Protein backbone atom coordinates (compact mmCIF):
# COMPACT_ATOMS: atom_id res chain seq x y z
CA MET A 1 0.00 0.00 0.00
CA ARG A 2 1.47 3.35 -1.05
CA VAL A 3 1.18 6.69 0.69
CA GLY A 4 -0.67 9.33 -1.28
CA ARG A 5 -0.64 13.05 -0.73
CA LEU A 6 -0.68 13.77 3.00
CA LYS A 7 -2.87 16.30 4.70
CA GLU A 8 -1.12 19.02 6.69
CA GLY A 9 0.22 17.57 9.96
CA GLU A 10 -0.64 13.99 8.97
CA THR A 11 1.88 11.19 9.40
CA PRO A 12 2.58 8.75 6.52
CA LEU A 13 1.14 5.92 8.60
CA ALA A 14 -2.08 7.87 9.18
CA GLU A 15 -2.76 7.83 5.43
CA LEU A 16 -2.21 4.08 5.30
CA LEU A 17 -4.52 3.56 8.25
CA ARG A 18 -7.24 5.75 6.74
CA THR A 19 -7.09 3.68 3.56
CA LEU A 20 -7.26 0.46 5.57
CA LEU A 21 -10.24 1.70 7.57
CA ALA A 22 -12.03 2.82 4.40
CA GLN A 23 -11.83 -0.82 3.28
CA GLU A 24 -12.56 -2.57 6.58
CA GLY A 25 -14.60 -0.03 8.52
CA SER A 26 -12.83 -0.70 11.80
CA ILE A 27 -9.94 -2.72 13.21
CA PRO A 28 -9.14 -3.95 16.74
CA PHE A 29 -7.07 -1.51 18.76
CA SER A 30 -4.40 -4.22 19.03
CA ARG A 31 -4.01 -4.08 15.23
CA PHE A 32 -3.82 -0.28 15.29
CA MET A 33 -1.14 -0.43 18.00
CA GLU A 34 0.81 -3.08 16.09
CA LEU A 35 0.90 -0.92 12.95
CA ALA A 36 1.59 2.30 14.87
CA LEU A 37 4.62 0.75 16.55
CA TYR A 38 5.88 -1.92 14.15
CA HIS A 39 4.96 -1.03 10.56
CA PRO A 40 8.23 -1.81 8.73
CA HIS A 41 8.52 1.63 7.11
CA TYR A 42 6.38 4.07 9.10
CA GLY A 43 5.99 2.47 12.54
CA TYR A 44 7.39 4.14 15.63
CA TYR A 45 10.08 1.48 16.08
CA SER A 46 11.21 1.76 12.47
CA GLN A 47 13.12 4.87 13.60
CA SER A 48 16.67 4.56 14.88
CA PRO A 49 16.82 3.99 18.67
CA SER A 50 18.82 7.16 19.34
CA ARG A 51 16.00 9.18 17.78
CA ARG A 52 13.44 7.61 20.15
CA ILE A 53 15.42 7.33 23.38
CA GLY A 54 17.26 9.95 25.41
CA ARG A 55 17.11 13.71 25.65
CA ARG A 56 16.33 14.21 21.96
CA GLY A 57 13.77 11.42 21.91
CA ASP A 58 10.52 10.64 23.69
CA TYR A 59 11.63 8.82 26.84
CA TYR A 60 14.60 7.57 28.84
CA THR A 61 15.49 4.04 29.89
CA GLY A 62 17.85 2.77 32.56
CA PRO A 63 20.61 1.77 30.09
CA SER A 64 20.29 5.08 28.21
CA SER A 65 21.05 7.00 31.40
CA GLY A 66 24.60 5.66 31.77
CA PRO A 67 26.71 2.52 32.31
CA ALA A 68 25.44 1.70 35.81
CA PHE A 69 22.84 -0.80 34.58
CA GLY A 70 25.41 -2.87 32.69
CA ARG A 71 28.01 -2.65 35.45
CA LEU A 72 25.60 -3.89 38.11
CA PHE A 73 23.92 -6.50 35.92
CA SER A 74 27.32 -7.98 35.10
CA GLU A 75 27.43 -9.21 38.70
CA ALA A 76 24.19 -11.15 38.15
CA VAL A 77 25.61 -12.66 34.95
CA ALA A 78 28.82 -13.70 36.74
CA GLU A 79 26.79 -15.36 39.48
CA ALA A 80 24.67 -17.14 36.86
CA TRP A 81 27.84 -18.54 35.30
CA ASP A 82 28.86 -19.95 38.68
CA LEU A 83 25.42 -21.47 39.30
CA LEU A 84 25.54 -23.15 35.88
CA GLY A 85 28.90 -24.76 36.67
CA ARG A 86 30.99 -22.36 34.59
CA PRO A 87 30.20 -23.78 31.13
CA GLU A 88 32.69 -23.26 28.30
CA ILE A 89 30.14 -21.07 26.49
CA LEU A 90 27.71 -18.83 28.36
CA ASP A 91 24.89 -17.64 26.13
CA LEU A 92 23.51 -14.17 26.74
CA TRP A 93 20.34 -13.36 24.79
CA GLU A 94 18.88 -9.87 24.75
CA GLN A 95 15.68 -8.81 23.01
CA GLY A 96 14.75 -5.16 22.68
CA ALA A 97 18.37 -3.98 22.84
CA GLY A 98 17.59 -0.43 21.68
CA ALA A 99 20.78 1.37 20.72
CA GLY A 100 23.00 -1.34 22.23
CA TRP A 101 23.94 0.57 25.37
CA LEU A 102 23.28 -2.28 27.79
CA ALA A 103 25.00 -4.79 25.51
CA CYS A 104 28.20 -2.75 25.37
CA ASP A 105 28.16 -1.79 29.05
CA LEU A 106 27.56 -5.37 30.16
CA VAL A 107 30.25 -7.01 28.02
CA GLY A 108 32.66 -4.12 28.67
CA SER A 109 32.21 -4.59 32.41
CA LEU A 110 32.78 -8.34 32.15
CA ARG A 111 35.95 -7.75 30.13
CA ALA A 112 37.26 -5.35 32.76
CA HIS A 113 36.26 -7.25 35.89
CA GLU A 114 35.56 -10.86 34.88
CA PRO A 115 37.96 -11.54 31.98
CA ARG A 116 37.75 -15.35 32.26
CA LEU A 117 33.99 -15.18 31.89
CA ALA A 118 34.13 -12.52 29.17
CA ALA A 119 36.16 -14.90 27.00
CA ARG A 120 33.30 -17.40 27.16
CA ILE A 121 30.43 -15.03 26.36
CA ARG A 122 28.32 -15.56 23.24
CA TYR A 123 25.98 -12.58 23.07
CA THR A 124 22.94 -12.81 20.79
CA ILE A 125 20.68 -9.84 20.08
CA VAL A 126 17.21 -10.56 18.68
CA GLU A 127 16.65 -7.62 16.32
CA PRO A 128 14.31 -7.68 13.30
CA ARG A 129 14.69 -3.97 12.43
CA GLU A 130 17.56 -2.93 10.16
CA LEU A 131 18.06 0.60 11.52
CA SER A 132 18.25 -0.67 15.09
CA ARG A 133 20.63 -3.46 14.15
CA LYS A 134 22.87 -1.04 12.25
CA GLU A 135 23.10 1.30 15.23
CA GLN A 136 23.80 -1.59 17.59
CA GLU A 137 26.53 -2.96 15.32
CA GLU A 138 28.16 0.46 15.06
CA ARG A 139 28.17 0.92 18.83
CA VAL A 140 29.53 -2.58 19.44
CA SER A 141 32.23 -2.08 16.81
CA ALA A 142 33.26 1.30 18.25
CA ALA A 143 33.68 -0.38 21.65
CA GLU A 144 35.83 -3.09 20.00
CA LEU A 145 33.52 -5.84 21.24
CA SER A 146 32.34 -7.30 17.92
CA ASN A 147 33.87 -10.74 18.48
CA HIS A 148 31.38 -11.40 21.29
CA PHE A 149 28.22 -10.60 19.32
CA ARG A 150 25.85 -12.00 16.76
CA TRP A 151 22.39 -10.92 15.61
CA VAL A 152 19.28 -12.90 14.69
CA LYS A 153 16.17 -11.45 13.09
CA SER A 154 13.63 -13.80 14.62
CA TRP A 155 13.04 -16.68 16.98
CA ALA A 156 13.19 -19.01 13.99
CA GLU A 157 16.98 -18.73 14.25
CA ALA A 158 17.03 -19.58 17.97
CA GLU A 159 18.42 -22.73 19.49
CA LYS A 160 18.35 -24.04 23.05
CA LEU A 161 20.55 -21.91 25.26
CA VAL A 162 22.44 -22.36 28.50
CA GLY A 163 22.82 -18.95 30.03
CA VAL A 164 20.78 -15.80 30.59
CA PHE A 165 17.87 -14.33 28.62
CA PHE A 166 16.95 -10.73 29.44
CA SER A 167 15.00 -7.74 28.21
CA ASN A 168 14.48 -4.18 29.39
CA GLU A 169 11.25 -2.29 28.66
CA LEU A 170 10.31 -4.71 25.90
CA VAL A 171 7.06 -6.30 27.06
CA ASP A 172 5.28 -2.99 27.71
CA SER A 173 5.47 -2.26 23.97
CA PHE A 174 3.70 -5.44 22.85
CA PRO A 175 0.28 -4.71 21.31
CA VAL A 176 -2.68 -5.08 23.65
CA HIS A 177 -6.36 -5.80 23.22
CA ARG A 178 -8.44 -3.16 24.99
CA LEU A 179 -11.53 -4.71 26.58
CA VAL A 180 -14.39 -2.80 28.23
CA ARG A 181 -16.92 -4.12 30.73
CA ARG A 182 -20.45 -3.74 29.37
CA GLY A 183 -23.36 -5.04 31.45
CA THR A 184 -22.66 -8.68 32.25
CA GLY A 185 -20.24 -9.10 29.35
CA TRP A 186 -17.31 -7.50 27.58
CA SER A 187 -16.71 -5.48 24.44
CA GLU A 188 -13.48 -5.07 22.51
CA THR A 189 -12.29 -1.59 21.59
CA LEU A 190 -11.94 -1.00 17.85
CA VAL A 191 -10.53 1.94 15.91
CA THR A 192 -12.39 3.64 13.09
CA TRP A 193 -12.18 6.88 11.08
CA LYS A 194 -15.00 9.33 11.72
CA GLU A 195 -15.46 13.06 11.21
CA GLY A 196 -11.85 13.55 10.14
CA ARG A 197 -10.13 11.71 12.98
CA PHE A 198 -9.32 8.30 14.38
CA CYS A 199 -11.71 7.37 17.16
CA PHE A 200 -12.74 4.43 19.32
CA THR A 201 -15.78 2.24 18.85
CA GLU A 202 -16.73 -1.09 20.41
CA GLU A 203 -17.88 -4.55 19.43
CA PRO A 204 -19.32 -7.12 21.89
CA LEU A 205 -17.23 -10.21 22.54
CA PHE A 206 -19.54 -12.95 21.30
CA SER A 207 -17.00 -15.69 22.02
CA ALA A 208 -14.87 -15.43 25.12
CA SER A 209 -12.95 -18.68 24.56
CA GLN A 210 -9.62 -16.99 23.81
CA TRP A 211 -10.04 -14.84 26.91
CA GLN A 212 -10.69 -17.75 29.27
CA GLY A 213 -8.69 -17.16 32.45
CA VAL A 214 -7.96 -13.60 31.35
CA LEU A 215 -11.23 -11.91 32.27
CA SER A 216 -12.15 -14.15 35.18
CA GLU A 217 -10.02 -12.63 37.93
CA PRO A 218 -12.63 -10.39 39.38
CA GLY A 219 -14.41 -10.37 35.97
CA SER A 220 -18.07 -10.30 36.89
CA ASP A 221 -17.53 -7.93 39.83
CA LEU A 222 -16.14 -5.07 37.75
CA PRO A 223 -18.40 -2.05 37.19
CA GLU A 224 -19.69 -0.75 33.88
CA GLY A 225 -17.01 0.84 31.70
CA TRP A 226 -14.00 -0.76 33.39
CA VAL A 227 -11.09 -1.14 30.95
CA VAL A 228 -8.73 -4.11 30.92
CA GLU A 229 -5.76 -4.49 28.57
CA VAL A 230 -4.62 -7.95 27.52
CA SER A 231 -1.44 -8.67 25.60
CA LEU A 232 -1.73 -12.08 23.99
CA ASP A 233 1.62 -11.38 22.30
CA ALA A 234 3.31 -11.04 25.70
CA LEU A 235 1.99 -14.43 26.79
CA SER A 236 3.15 -16.07 23.54
CA TRP A 237 6.54 -14.42 24.00
CA MET A 238 6.93 -15.84 27.51
CA ARG A 239 6.07 -19.33 26.24
CA ARG A 240 8.81 -19.01 23.60
CA VAL A 241 11.32 -17.90 26.23
CA GLY A 242 10.46 -20.96 28.31
CA ARG A 243 11.01 -23.24 25.31
CA LEU A 244 14.27 -21.52 24.33
CA LEU A 245 15.95 -21.81 27.73
CA ASP A 246 17.53 -25.19 28.43
CA ARG A 247 19.22 -24.13 31.68
CA GLY A 248 19.69 -20.68 33.09
CA LEU A 249 17.96 -17.49 34.18
CA VAL A 250 15.44 -15.05 32.73
CA PHE A 251 15.36 -11.37 33.78
CA THR A 252 12.42 -9.27 32.57
CA PHE A 253 12.84 -5.57 33.44
CA ASP A 254 9.77 -3.39 32.95
CA TYR A 255 7.07 -1.37 34.64
CA GLY A 256 3.87 -3.19 35.43
CA LEU A 257 1.29 -4.38 37.90
CA LEU A 258 0.55 -7.21 40.29
CA PRO A 259 -2.91 -8.82 40.21
CA GLU A 260 -4.04 -6.91 43.29
CA GLU A 261 -3.00 -3.62 41.67
CA ARG A 262 -4.87 -4.12 38.41
CA PHE A 263 -8.37 -3.95 39.83
CA VAL A 264 -8.36 -0.77 41.92
CA PRO A 265 -10.25 2.46 41.12
CA GLU A 266 -7.10 4.21 39.91
CA ARG A 267 -6.89 1.66 37.07
CA SER A 268 -10.52 1.74 35.92
CA GLY A 269 -9.55 3.46 32.66
CA GLY A 270 -6.69 1.08 31.91
CA THR A 271 -2.96 1.74 31.70
CA LEU A 272 -2.44 2.57 28.02
CA ARG A 273 -0.32 5.68 27.59
CA ALA A 274 1.15 7.65 24.69
CA TYR A 275 4.44 9.57 24.97
CA ARG A 276 5.98 12.12 22.67
CA ARG A 277 8.96 14.39 23.39
CA HIS A 278 8.95 13.34 27.05
CA LEU A 279 5.34 14.39 27.54
CA ARG A 280 2.28 12.24 27.94
CA GLU A 281 -0.10 12.72 25.02
CA GLY A 282 -3.82 12.85 25.71
CA ASP A 283 -4.90 11.13 22.49
CA LEU A 284 -3.78 7.51 22.06
CA LEU A 285 -4.73 7.58 18.38
CA ALA A 286 -3.01 10.82 17.36
CA HIS A 287 0.29 10.92 15.43
CA PRO A 288 0.40 7.17 14.60
CA GLY A 289 4.00 6.14 14.05
CA GLU A 290 5.37 9.24 15.76
CA GLN A 291 4.46 8.66 19.40
CA ASP A 292 5.22 5.77 21.72
CA LEU A 293 2.33 3.59 22.88
CA THR A 294 2.77 1.54 26.02
CA ALA A 295 0.76 -0.42 28.58
CA HIS A 296 1.72 -1.71 32.02
CA VAL A 297 2.93 -5.31 32.05
CA ASP A 298 0.63 -7.80 33.76
CA PHE A 299 3.36 -9.50 35.76
CA GLY A 300 1.01 -11.93 37.49
CA ARG A 301 -0.20 -13.41 34.22
CA LEU A 302 3.31 -13.39 32.74
CA GLN A 303 4.58 -15.28 35.78
CA ARG A 304 1.86 -17.95 35.51
CA VAL A 305 2.46 -18.51 31.80
CA GLY A 306 6.20 -18.79 32.47
CA GLU A 307 5.58 -21.46 35.07
CA GLU A 308 3.38 -23.37 32.61
CA ALA A 309 6.32 -23.19 30.16
CA GLY A 310 8.70 -24.78 32.67
CA LEU A 311 10.20 -21.68 34.28
CA GLN A 312 10.48 -21.40 38.06
CA THR A 313 9.64 -17.99 39.51
CA LEU A 314 12.42 -16.87 41.85
CA ALA A 315 11.12 -13.38 42.60
CA LEU A 316 9.30 -10.33 41.36
CA VAL A 317 11.13 -7.36 42.87
CA ASP A 318 11.33 -3.66 42.27
CA GLN A 319 14.52 -2.29 40.73
CA HIS A 320 15.45 -0.60 44.00
CA HIS A 321 15.87 -3.88 45.89
CA PHE A 322 17.27 -5.67 42.83
CA PHE A 323 20.12 -3.22 42.26
CA VAL A 324 20.80 -2.60 45.97
CA GLY A 325 21.42 -6.34 46.30
CA LEU A 326 23.90 -6.34 43.42
CA LEU A 327 25.63 -3.20 44.71
CA SER A 328 26.04 -4.75 48.15
CA ALA A 329 27.81 -7.78 46.64
CA LEU A 330 30.13 -5.60 44.56
CA SER A 331 30.86 -3.26 47.47
CA GLU A 332 31.92 -6.15 49.70
CA ARG A 333 34.77 -6.86 47.30
CA CYS A 334 35.67 -3.16 47.18
CA GLU A 335 35.87 -2.78 50.98
CA GLY A 336 32.80 -0.57 51.03
CA ARG A 337 33.93 1.75 48.24
CA LEU A 338 31.79 2.48 45.20
CA PRO A 339 32.82 -0.12 42.60
CA ASP A 340 34.73 0.99 39.52
CA GLY A 341 32.44 2.02 36.68
CA LEU A 342 29.69 3.29 38.98
CA THR A 343 28.74 6.79 40.01
CA ALA A 344 26.36 7.76 42.78
CA GLY A 345 24.15 9.56 40.25
CA GLY A 346 24.02 6.58 37.92
CA PHE A 347 23.02 4.24 40.71
CA GLN A 348 20.43 6.70 42.00
CA THR A 349 18.72 6.88 38.61
CA LEU A 350 18.25 3.10 38.55
CA ALA A 351 17.47 2.41 42.19
CA HIS A 352 16.07 5.49 43.92
CA PRO A 353 12.31 5.16 44.54
CA GLY A 354 11.85 8.66 43.13
CA PHE A 355 13.34 7.66 39.78
CA LEU A 356 13.15 4.11 38.37
CA GLY A 357 13.57 2.17 41.62
CA ARG A 358 9.92 1.79 42.52
CA THR A 359 8.09 2.07 39.19
CA HIS A 360 10.22 -0.55 37.41
CA ARG A 361 10.26 -4.19 38.38
CA VAL A 362 12.20 -7.34 37.59
CA LEU A 363 10.65 -10.77 37.07
CA ILE A 364 13.39 -13.31 37.79
CA GLN A 365 12.89 -16.90 36.60
CA SER A 366 15.11 -19.97 36.38
CA LYS A 367 15.21 -23.36 34.73
CA GLY A 368 17.40 -26.35 35.44
CA ILE A 369 19.64 -24.79 38.10
CA GLY A 370 19.78 -25.20 41.87
CA ASN A 371 20.53 -22.78 44.69
CA ALA A 372 19.40 -19.79 42.63
CA SER A 373 18.18 -18.19 45.85
CA SER A 374 21.82 -17.30 46.55
CA LEU A 375 21.78 -14.62 43.82
CA SER A 376 22.82 -11.24 45.19
CA CYS A 377 19.93 -9.52 43.43
CA LEU A 378 17.60 -11.45 45.77
CA ARG A 379 19.30 -10.37 49.01
CA PHE A 380 16.75 -7.69 49.77
CA ALA A 381 13.88 -9.07 47.73
CA ARG A 382 10.49 -8.56 49.28
CA SER A 383 6.94 -8.40 48.07
CA VAL A 384 6.48 -5.57 45.61
CA GLY A 385 2.76 -5.44 46.28
CA SER A 386 3.19 -3.38 49.43
CA CYS A 387 2.67 0.14 48.09
CA PRO A 388 0.47 2.21 50.40
CA PRO A 389 -3.10 2.87 49.20
CA GLY A 390 -3.18 5.65 46.65
CA ARG A 391 0.53 5.22 45.87
CA LEU A 392 0.39 2.63 43.12
CA PRO A 393 3.36 2.53 40.74
CA ALA A 394 2.82 4.52 37.56
CA THR A 395 4.61 4.74 34.25
CA ASN A 396 7.66 6.93 34.74
CA ARG A 397 9.18 7.12 31.29
CA ALA A 398 10.41 10.69 31.56
CA CYS A 399 11.76 10.75 35.09
CA VAL A 400 15.46 10.00 34.54
CA SER A 401 17.61 12.93 35.48
CA ILE A 402 20.43 12.53 32.96
CA SER A 403 21.03 10.72 29.70
CA ARG A 404 24.13 9.68 27.75
CA ASN A 405 23.35 12.45 25.28
CA GLU A 406 23.58 14.99 28.08
CA SER A 407 26.64 13.52 29.76
CA SER A 408 28.73 12.58 26.74
CA GLY A 409 27.47 14.81 23.99
CA SER A 410 27.03 11.80 21.71
């Protein structure tokens, strides 16, 4: 489908969507979100990562703020190697690698502080988008780390791994179905074109078979108009991760909710958000392809699906307690000093409750290894469902105080 002449202020993807809606009348919101984010030419993620992330982009991430994430996470990787019996090859798989900051920081830290392990690292990045892969390759090459890395475009190229699979702020970007409570049943939110703009409409769910177990949590007790988002893609992804891992650990970093947090009045309108230039946009359907769309991860459901796929849940912790545990282990070897490669500001961005420490969480899972409870990241693990009433975690995409662009000028 080709783009015709655009109206003033209209994105190329908007024209494609208008043509699609003229043919089909309406499409599920999940389809709209998929195209808005992942259209190969005009989707939001078709842009280079450095255009999306950092001071000049739309949001910050932990790895984009500096090397602290990679330095601290390298301790978890080193401990995983020990737990696995120090295999000759340790596979590291990352999906959603962005500009490659975490990849370079992690392997660079292992080279500097765990050289025996670094020599055994085989780092695979799952990256289907050419612009992202090109930027990652350039960053890896500039850091002189290319011999550790390889790229695959899809899971079709995956083989069983012994090692660590991890992602940061990946799952929140998977398309979601937006469901609305109507009477004693549910409707699915659709997108249509009306009176010169994209707008929502609804269609009753006549068959709830694919939603079995999804809408039953308090289901029938929810009031009229309550919105629930469901990412079937996220559940399929977790099943694939479970199949891919032979022995090792899975770390899923993201912002999201526990079951008891999903069904409170503050969440009655759902968690879908749009971000552009570090500001939350009021219209989820505006600027398709030029604003980020995101929804809170349903960690409870993700955890259950992982367990069905053979993964053991070790913990679901907030980033504060996760990184404090790793820092404590590193500091013990440095006689209480701040470890090399860390700054107080970098650590604060990741772990302080006022930045990413409370809003972002880590689902930690294992398969085929014993004594995983000895991991340093679990030292201070506690229930993350203990936020006081009225203080539920919220998306905090624009809260990081400094980015690499600001600190390095790159």
